[in-house]
Amino acid sequence: NDVIQQLSWEPQPPESGSLLKHPDSVDTEVSRNIFTRMYCSES
């Protein structure tokens, strides 16, 4: 949950890539879910 909050408030590092680069788009929500899945599967 802390990770998701950081994504909401902190600037995105380049490593996060173009997935999270559209703050005004619905894609951001989808990208956040994808990013969270990737993060969880790596942990």
PDB file of N, CA and C in Angstrom:
ATOM      1  N   ASN A   1       0.835  -1.204   0.000  1.00  0.00           N
ATOM      2  CA  ASN A   1       0.000   0.000   0.000  1.00  0.00           C
ATOM      3  C   ASN A   1       0.873   1.259   0.000  1.00  0.00           C
ATOM      4  N   ASP A   2       1.980   1.209   0.719  1.00  0.00           N
ATOM      5  CA  ASP A   2       2.889   2.359   0.738  1.00  0.00           C
ATOM      6  C   ASP A   2       3.392   2.666  -0.671  1.00  0.00           C
ATOM      7  N   VAL A   3       3.639   1.614  -1.432  1.00  0.00           N
ATOM      8  CA  VAL A   3       4.153   1.804  -2.788  1.00  0.00           C
ATOM      9  C   VAL A   3       3.133   2.545  -3.634  1.00  0.00           C
ATOM     10  N   ILE A   4       1.865   2.158  -3.509  1.00  0.00           N
ATOM     11  CA  ILE A   4       0.814   2.798  -4.303  1.00  0.00           C
ATOM     12  C   ILE A   4       0.693   4.268  -3.913  1.00  0.00           C
ATOM     13  N   GLN A   5       0.807   4.574  -2.639  1.00  0.00           N
ATOM     14  CA  GLN A   5       0.722   5.966  -2.200  1.00  0.00           C
ATOM     15  C   GLN A   5       1.902   6.759  -2.757  1.00  0.00           C
ATOM     16  N   GLN A   6       3.077   6.159  -2.788  1.00  0.00           N
ATOM     17  CA  GLN A   6       4.237   6.851  -3.338  1.00  0.00           C
ATOM     18  C   GLN A   6       4.023   7.145  -4.815  1.00  0.00           C
ATOM     19  N   LEU A   7       3.427   6.185  -5.538  1.00  0.00           N
ATOM     20  CA  LEU A   7       3.163   6.408  -6.958  1.00  0.00           C
ATOM     21  C   LEU A   7       2.229   7.584  -7.153  1.00  0.00           C
ATOM     22  N   SER A   8       1.329   7.790  -6.197  1.00  0.00           N
ATOM     23  CA  SER A   8       0.340   8.852  -6.336  1.00  0.00           C
ATOM     24  C   SER A   8       0.962  10.224  -6.090  1.00  0.00           C
ATOM     25  N   TRP A   9       1.981  10.294  -5.245  1.00  0.00           N
ATOM     26  CA  TRP A   9       2.480  11.596  -4.803  1.00  0.00           C
ATOM     27  C   TRP A   9       3.878  11.920  -5.310  1.00  0.00           C
ATOM     28  N   GLU A  10       4.703  10.911  -5.591  1.00  0.00           N
ATOM     29  CA  GLU A  10       6.081  11.188  -5.984  1.00  0.00           C
ATOM     30  C   GLU A  10       6.223  11.154  -7.500  1.00  0.00           C
ATOM     31  N   PRO A  11       7.187  11.909  -8.036  1.00  0.00           N
ATOM     32  CA  PRO A  11       7.447  11.878  -9.478  1.00  0.00           C
ATOM     33  C   PRO A  11       7.875  10.475  -9.902  1.00  0.00           C
ATOM     34  N   GLN A  12       7.551  10.112 -11.118  1.00  0.00           N
ATOM     35  CA  GLN A  12       7.887   8.771 -11.588  1.00  0.00           C
ATOM     36  C   GLN A  12       9.347   8.723 -12.032  1.00  0.00           C
ATOM     37  N   PRO A  13      10.102   7.723 -11.570  1.00  0.00           N
ATOM     38  CA  PRO A  13      11.460   7.515 -12.070  1.00  0.00           C
ATOM     39  C   PRO A  13      11.409   7.025 -13.512  1.00  0.00           C
ATOM     40  N   PRO A  14      12.464   7.276 -14.283  1.00  0.00           N
ATOM     41  CA  PRO A  14      12.481   6.865 -15.694  1.00  0.00           C
ATOM     42  C   PRO A  14      12.237   5.369 -15.854  1.00  0.00           C
ATOM     43  N   GLU A  15      12.664   4.568 -14.859  1.00  0.00           N
ATOM     44  CA  GLU A  15      12.527   3.124 -14.947  1.00  0.00           C
ATOM     45  C   GLU A  15      11.072   2.708 -15.066  1.00  0.00           C
ATOM     46  N   SER A  16      10.164   3.544 -14.535  1.00  0.00           N
ATOM     47  CA  SER A  16       8.749   3.193 -14.590  1.00  0.00           C
ATOM     48  C   SER A  16       8.230   3.261 -16.020  1.00  0.00           C
ATOM     49  N   GLY A  17       8.933   3.973 -16.864  1.00  0.00           N
ATOM     50  CA  GLY A  17       8.649   3.936 -18.283  1.00  0.00           C
ATOM     51  C   GLY A  17       7.384   4.659 -18.683  1.00  0.00           C
ATOM     52  N   SER A  18       7.013   4.485 -19.947  1.00  0.00           N
ATOM     53  CA  SER A  18       5.902   5.227 -20.519  1.00  0.00           C
ATOM     54  C   SER A  18       4.559   4.768 -19.981  1.00  0.00           C
ATOM     55  N   LEU A  19       4.534   3.643 -19.250  1.00  0.00           N
ATOM     56  CA  LEU A  19       3.261   3.156 -18.718  1.00  0.00           C
ATOM     57  C   LEU A  19       2.598   4.205 -17.841  1.00  0.00           C
ATOM     58  N   LEU A  20       3.410   4.901 -17.025  1.00  0.00           N
ATOM     59  CA  LEU A  20       2.834   5.802 -16.026  1.00  0.00           C
ATOM     60  C   LEU A  20       2.973   7.265 -16.432  1.00  0.00           C
ATOM     61  N   LYS A  21       3.146   7.514 -17.718  1.00  0.00           N
ATOM     62  CA  LYS A  21       3.530   8.861 -18.136  1.00  0.00           C
ATOM     63  C   LYS A  21       2.340   9.742 -18.508  1.00  0.00           C
ATOM     64  N   HIS A  22       1.101   9.237 -18.392  1.00  0.00           N
ATOM     65  CA  HIS A  22      -0.081  10.022 -18.773  1.00  0.00           C
ATOM     66  C   HIS A  22      -0.970  10.286 -17.561  1.00  0.00           C
ATOM     67  N   PRO A  23      -0.655  11.294 -16.758  1.00  0.00           N
ATOM     68  CA  PRO A  23      -1.381  11.538 -15.503  1.00  0.00           C
ATOM     69  C   PRO A  23      -2.844  11.891 -15.716  1.00  0.00           C
ATOM     70  N   ASP A  24      -3.193  12.433 -16.873  1.00  0.00           N
ATOM     71  CA  ASP A  24      -4.570  12.865 -17.097  1.00  0.00           C
ATOM     72  C   ASP A  24      -5.399  11.792 -17.794  1.00  0.00           C
ATOM     73  N   SER A  25      -4.787  10.617 -17.983  1.00  0.00           N
ATOM     74  CA  SER A  25      -5.460   9.581 -18.759  1.00  0.00           C
ATOM     75  C   SER A  25      -5.908   8.437 -17.865  1.00  0.00           C
ATOM     76  N   VAL A  26      -6.961   7.762 -18.297  1.00  0.00           N
ATOM     77  CA  VAL A  26      -7.424   6.575 -17.570  1.00  0.00           C
ATOM     78  C   VAL A  26      -6.337   5.510 -17.577  1.00  0.00           C
ATOM     79  N   ASP A  27      -5.449   5.569 -18.574  1.00  0.00           N
ATOM     80  CA  ASP A  27      -4.365   4.599 -18.672  1.00  0.00           C
ATOM     81  C   ASP A  27      -3.530   4.575 -17.399  1.00  0.00           C
ATOM     82  N   THR A  28      -3.480   5.709 -16.691  1.00  0.00           N
ATOM     83  CA  THR A  28      -2.685   5.772 -15.472  1.00  0.00           C
ATOM     84  C   THR A  28      -3.173   4.747 -14.464  1.00  0.00           C
ATOM     85  N   GLU A  29      -4.482   4.624 -14.332  1.00  0.00           N
ATOM     86  CA  GLU A  29      -5.037   3.672 -13.369  1.00  0.00           C
ATOM     87  C   GLU A  29      -4.667   2.249 -13.763  1.00  0.00           C
ATOM     88  N   VAL A  30      -4.796   1.955 -15.047  1.00  0.00           N
ATOM     89  CA  VAL A  30      -4.441   0.625 -15.540  1.00  0.00           C
ATOM     90  C   VAL A  30      -2.953   0.379 -15.346  1.00  0.00           C
ATOM     91  N   SER A  31      -2.156   1.386 -15.672  1.00  0.00           N
ATOM     92  CA  SER A  31      -0.712   1.248 -15.552  1.00  0.00           C
ATOM     93  C   SER A  31      -0.312   1.020 -14.109  1.00  0.00           C
ATOM     94  N   ARG A  32      -1.003   1.692 -13.194  1.00  0.00           N
ATOM     95  CA  ARG A  32      -0.710   1.520 -11.779  1.00  0.00           C
ATOM     96  C   ARG A  32      -0.969   0.077 -11.367  1.00  0.00           C
ATOM     97  N   ASN A  33      -2.059  -0.481 -11.885  1.00  0.00           N
ATOM     98  CA  ASN A  33      -2.365  -1.873 -11.557  1.00  0.00           C
ATOM     99  C   ASN A  33      -1.298  -2.806 -12.109  1.00  0.00           C
ATOM    100  N   ILE A  34      -0.850  -2.527 -13.334  1.00  0.00           N
ATOM    101  CA  ILE A  34       0.196  -3.342 -13.948  1.00  0.00           C
ATOM    102  C   ILE A  34       1.487  -3.214 -13.153  1.00  0.00           C
ATOM    103  N   PHE A  35       1.844  -1.993 -12.807  1.00  0.00           N
ATOM    104  CA  PHE A  35       3.070  -1.749 -12.057  1.00  0.00           C
ATOM    105  C   PHE A  35       3.021  -2.467 -10.716  1.00  0.00           C
ATOM    106  N   THR A  36       1.857  -2.408 -10.049  1.00  0.00           N
ATOM    107  CA  THR A  36       1.706  -3.064  -8.752  1.00  0.00           C
ATOM    108  C   THR A  36       1.848  -4.570  -8.909  1.00  0.00           C
ATOM    109  N   ARG A  37       1.284  -5.122  -9.971  1.00  0.00           N
ATOM    110  CA  ARG A  37       1.407  -6.563 -10.212  1.00  0.00           C
ATOM    111  C   ARG A  37       2.858  -6.943 -10.414  1.00  0.00           C
ATOM    112  N   MET A  38       3.568  -6.162 -11.224  1.00  0.00           N
ATOM    113  CA  MET A  38       4.981  -6.438 -11.481  1.00  0.00           C
ATOM    114  C   MET A  38       5.767  -6.365 -10.183  1.00  0.00           C
ATOM    115  N   TYR A  39       5.482  -5.335  -9.385  1.00  0.00           N
ATOM    116  CA  TYR A  39       6.190  -5.142  -8.125  1.00  0.00           C
ATOM    117  C   TYR A  39       5.931  -6.316  -7.191  1.00  0.00           C
ATOM    118  N   CYS A  40       4.660  -6.732  -7.102  1.00  0.00           N
ATOM    119  CA  CYS A  40       4.298  -7.810  -6.179  1.00  0.00           C
ATOM    120  C   CYS A  40       4.913  -9.131  -6.626  1.00  0.00           C
ATOM    121  N   SER A  41       4.977  -9.369  -7.922  1.00  0.00           N
ATOM    122  CA  SER A  41       5.506 -10.645  -8.395  1.00  0.00           C
ATOM    123  C   SER A  41       7.024 -10.691  -8.222  1.00  0.00           C
ATOM    124  N   GLU A  42       7.666  -9.524  -8.205  1.00  0.00           N
ATOM    125  CA  GLU A  42       9.114  -9.494  -7.981  1.00  0.00           C
ATOM    126  C   GLU A  42       9.450  -9.697  -6.515  1.00  0.00           C
ATOM    127  N   SER A  43       8.542  -9.290  -5.627  1.00  0.00           N
ATOM    128  CA  SER A  43       8.818  -9.364  -4.194  1.00  0.00           C
ATOM    129  C   SER A  43       8.772 -10.805  -3.706  1.00  0.00           C
TER     130      SER A  43
END
